[in-house]
């Protein structure tokens, strides 16, 4: 399957995608498992290398990680908890990353967390499009793009709305050191950088 790069979407297609997502958000949930609303592109987070993440709440364990033979790492989030352990597990697989979960109404401070973030073209941490066998099943990162003196930053934002779940991820590579994340109140989107 050959997908166009996000920045190459014609404005009409981008508007159509936004309208579809907003319609889906406003629909009442029909199942007991909350559904995901893909908001990253709508909120303009795609320019900052955010990717949509399917979250399946109520499952166990909280997350799953698997390293592929080619070095890519698949991540599936089942519950938004224990980012410290997810970070440890990813580092054990060779991914020098920091992981932060950000609830709605909060954002990380200070911003930016690095003196320099590489563009998604320079260091595409989140693999887009995802491998074909991963479509709709979490997301994939490429730790090989991080490089020496750099750290990958994965910020997850998850909130519930009208019985559904809205989730987004900001995935970038920054020059070391990466500042810690102190959650502070905000009325802005949590992953705006």
Protein backbone atom coordinates (compact mmCIF):
# COMPACT_ATOMS: atom_id res chain seq x y z
CA UNK A 1 0.00 0.00 0.00
CA UNK A 2 1.47 3.36 -0.99
CA UNK A 3 0.37 6.23 1.28
CA UNK A 4 1.03 9.90 0.49
CA UNK A 5 3.12 11.80 3.01
CA UNK A 6 0.96 13.75 5.44
CA UNK A 7 2.23 17.11 4.24
CA UNK A 8 1.23 16.18 0.67
CA UNK A 9 -2.48 15.87 1.46
CA UNK A 10 -4.47 18.32 -0.65
CA UNK A 11 -6.38 20.86 1.44
CA UNK A 12 -9.73 19.39 0.33
CA UNK A 13 -8.72 15.90 1.58
CA UNK A 14 -7.44 17.37 4.86
CA UNK A 15 -10.77 19.21 5.37
CA UNK A 16 -12.71 16.01 4.54
CA UNK A 17 -10.62 14.04 7.06
CA UNK A 18 -11.25 16.69 9.71
CA UNK A 19 -15.01 16.63 9.07
CA UNK A 20 -15.07 12.81 9.27
CA UNK A 21 -13.12 12.73 12.54
CA UNK A 22 -15.27 15.44 14.13
CA UNK A 23 -18.43 13.55 13.09
CA UNK A 24 -17.08 10.32 14.60
CA UNK A 25 -16.21 12.09 17.85
CA UNK A 26 -19.74 13.38 18.25
CA UNK A 27 -21.38 9.96 17.71
CA UNK A 28 -22.38 8.11 20.87
CA UNK A 29 -20.34 5.03 21.68
CA UNK A 30 -22.12 1.82 20.65
CA UNK A 31 -19.82 -0.62 22.43
CA UNK A 32 -18.61 -0.98 25.98
CA UNK A 33 -14.98 -0.61 24.87
CA UNK A 34 -14.26 3.09 24.26
CA UNK A 35 -13.42 3.96 20.69
CA UNK A 36 -10.48 6.04 19.52
CA UNK A 37 -10.95 9.35 17.78
CA UNK A 38 -7.95 10.14 15.61
CA UNK A 39 -7.29 13.80 16.36
CA UNK A 40 -3.58 14.26 15.77
CA UNK A 41 -3.91 15.45 12.14
CA UNK A 42 -6.98 17.57 12.93
CA UNK A 43 -5.22 19.46 15.71
CA UNK A 44 -2.24 20.19 13.52
CA UNK A 45 -0.06 17.86 15.55
CA UNK A 46 0.93 15.96 12.46
CA UNK A 47 3.39 18.70 11.59
CA UNK A 48 5.12 17.89 14.86
CA UNK A 49 5.25 14.18 14.00
CA UNK A 50 2.28 13.14 16.10
CA UNK A 51 0.65 9.89 15.17
CA UNK A 52 -2.69 8.40 16.07
CA UNK A 53 -2.68 5.52 18.51
CA UNK A 54 -5.43 2.96 18.87
CA UNK A 55 -5.98 2.41 22.57
CA UNK A 56 -7.87 -0.62 23.81
CA UNK A 57 -8.78 0.08 27.42
CA UNK A 58 -9.58 -2.55 29.98
CA UNK A 59 -7.07 -5.04 28.63
CA UNK A 60 -4.13 -6.50 30.43
CA UNK A 61 -1.22 -5.76 30.54
CA UNK A 62 -1.11 -1.96 30.32
CA UNK A 63 1.06 -2.08 27.20
CA UNK A 64 2.96 -4.42 24.92
CA UNK A 65 6.27 -3.87 23.14
CA UNK A 66 7.92 -6.10 20.57
CA UNK A 67 11.20 -5.64 18.73
CA UNK A 68 11.10 -6.65 15.07
CA UNK A 69 14.04 -8.37 13.32
CA UNK A 70 14.68 -5.14 11.35
CA UNK A 71 15.14 -3.13 14.59
CA UNK A 72 11.75 -1.38 14.59
CA UNK A 73 9.75 -1.55 17.83
CA UNK A 74 5.98 -2.09 17.90
CA UNK A 75 4.12 -0.49 20.83
CA UNK A 76 0.51 -1.14 21.81
CA UNK A 77 -1.02 0.80 24.69
CA UNK A 78 -3.89 -0.95 26.49
CA UNK A 79 -4.11 1.31 29.55
CA UNK A 80 -2.62 4.70 30.21
CA UNK A 81 -0.49 3.85 33.21
CA UNK A 82 3.10 3.10 34.17
CA UNK A 83 5.01 5.23 31.63
CA UNK A 84 8.20 4.72 33.68
CA UNK A 85 8.13 0.95 33.08
CA UNK A 86 7.32 1.41 29.39
CA UNK A 87 10.34 3.73 29.17
CA UNK A 88 12.56 1.12 30.91
CA UNK A 89 11.33 -1.64 28.59
CA UNK A 90 11.94 0.46 25.48
CA UNK A 91 15.44 1.38 26.68
CA UNK A 92 16.17 -2.32 27.30
CA UNK A 93 15.34 -2.85 23.61
CA UNK A 94 17.84 -0.19 22.56
CA UNK A 95 15.48 2.78 22.24
CA UNK A 96 16.90 5.78 24.13
CA UNK A 97 13.54 7.44 24.80
CA UNK A 98 11.63 9.26 27.50
CA UNK A 99 7.93 8.46 27.87
CA UNK A 100 5.36 10.85 29.33
CA UNK A 101 1.57 10.47 29.69
CA UNK A 102 -0.21 13.84 29.69
CA UNK A 103 -3.83 14.07 30.87
CA UNK A 104 -6.30 16.48 29.25
CA UNK A 105 -6.03 19.98 30.70
CA UNK A 106 -2.29 19.59 31.32
CA UNK A 107 0.93 20.08 29.35
CA UNK A 108 4.62 19.54 29.94
CA UNK A 109 6.68 22.38 31.32
CA UNK A 110 9.22 23.63 30.42
CA UNK A 111 8.73 23.86 26.66
CA UNK A 112 10.62 23.05 24.61
CA UNK A 113 12.14 20.11 26.47
CA UNK A 114 15.26 20.13 24.27
CA UNK A 115 17.50 22.87 22.93
CA UNK A 116 16.86 21.42 19.46
CA UNK A 117 14.34 18.92 18.10
CA UNK A 118 15.18 17.32 14.78
CA UNK A 119 12.52 17.54 12.07
CA UNK A 120 10.49 14.44 11.26
CA UNK A 121 12.38 14.31 7.95
CA UNK A 122 15.78 14.32 9.72
CA UNK A 123 14.81 11.70 12.31
CA UNK A 124 11.44 10.01 11.71
CA UNK A 125 11.01 8.35 15.13
CA UNK A 126 7.40 7.31 14.51
CA UNK A 127 7.12 5.07 11.46
CA UNK A 128 4.47 6.40 9.07
CA UNK A 129 2.78 4.70 7.43
CA UNK A 130 3.09 1.87 9.93
CA UNK A 131 4.10 -1.59 8.76
CA UNK A 132 1.18 -3.23 6.97
CA UNK A 133 0.72 -5.89 9.66
CA UNK A 134 0.37 -3.12 12.31
CA UNK A 135 -2.46 -1.10 10.72
CA UNK A 136 -4.83 -0.13 13.53
CA UNK A 137 -2.76 -1.91 16.19
CA UNK A 138 -0.74 0.68 18.09
CA UNK A 139 2.27 2.30 16.51
CA UNK A 140 5.86 1.61 15.54
CA UNK A 141 9.06 3.53 16.30
CA UNK A 142 12.50 3.35 14.72
CA UNK A 143 15.11 3.75 17.49
CA UNK A 144 17.93 3.70 14.91
CA UNK A 145 17.16 7.34 13.98
CA UNK A 146 17.94 8.64 17.48
CA UNK A 147 21.74 8.70 17.27
CA UNK A 148 24.42 9.60 19.79
CA UNK A 149 23.82 12.59 22.05
CA UNK A 150 20.09 12.49 21.33
CA UNK A 151 16.95 11.13 23.00
CA UNK A 152 13.57 10.21 21.56
CA UNK A 153 10.59 11.89 23.22
CA UNK A 154 7.22 10.11 23.29
CA UNK A 155 4.41 12.19 24.79
CA UNK A 156 1.00 10.52 24.99
CA UNK A 157 -2.19 12.52 25.52
CA UNK A 158 -5.38 10.66 26.28
CA UNK A 159 -8.80 11.90 27.33
CA UNK A 160 -12.35 10.66 27.33
CA UNK A 161 -15.13 12.47 25.52
CA UNK A 162 -18.77 11.42 25.34
CA UNK A 163 -17.95 7.78 26.12
CA UNK A 164 -15.11 7.65 23.59
CA UNK A 165 -11.37 8.08 23.84
CA UNK A 166 -9.25 10.73 22.16
CA UNK A 167 -5.56 9.93 21.90
CA UNK A 168 -2.50 11.43 20.31
CA UNK A 169 1.24 10.97 20.39
CA UNK A 170 4.02 13.45 19.85
CA UNK A 171 7.17 11.59 18.78
CA UNK A 172 10.39 13.51 18.09
CA UNK A 173 14.13 13.21 18.58
CA UNK A 174 15.87 15.95 20.56
CA UNK A 175 19.43 16.94 21.40
CA UNK A 176 20.43 15.93 24.92
CA UNK A 177 19.67 16.84 27.59
CA UNK A 178 15.89 16.41 27.56
CA UNK A 179 14.19 18.35 30.35
CA UNK A 180 11.86 16.51 32.71
CA UNK A 181 8.14 17.05 32.38
CA UNK A 182 6.32 18.95 35.08
CA UNK A 183 2.59 18.80 34.37
CA UNK A 184 1.00 22.25 34.45
CA UNK A 185 -2.54 23.42 33.72
CA UNK A 186 -3.38 24.53 30.18
CA UNK A 187 -6.38 25.31 28.02
CA UNK A 188 -4.36 24.55 24.87
CA UNK A 189 -4.02 21.14 23.27
CA UNK A 190 -1.61 19.13 25.48
CA UNK A 191 0.77 18.14 22.68
CA UNK A 192 1.23 21.54 21.04
CA UNK A 193 4.94 22.32 20.82
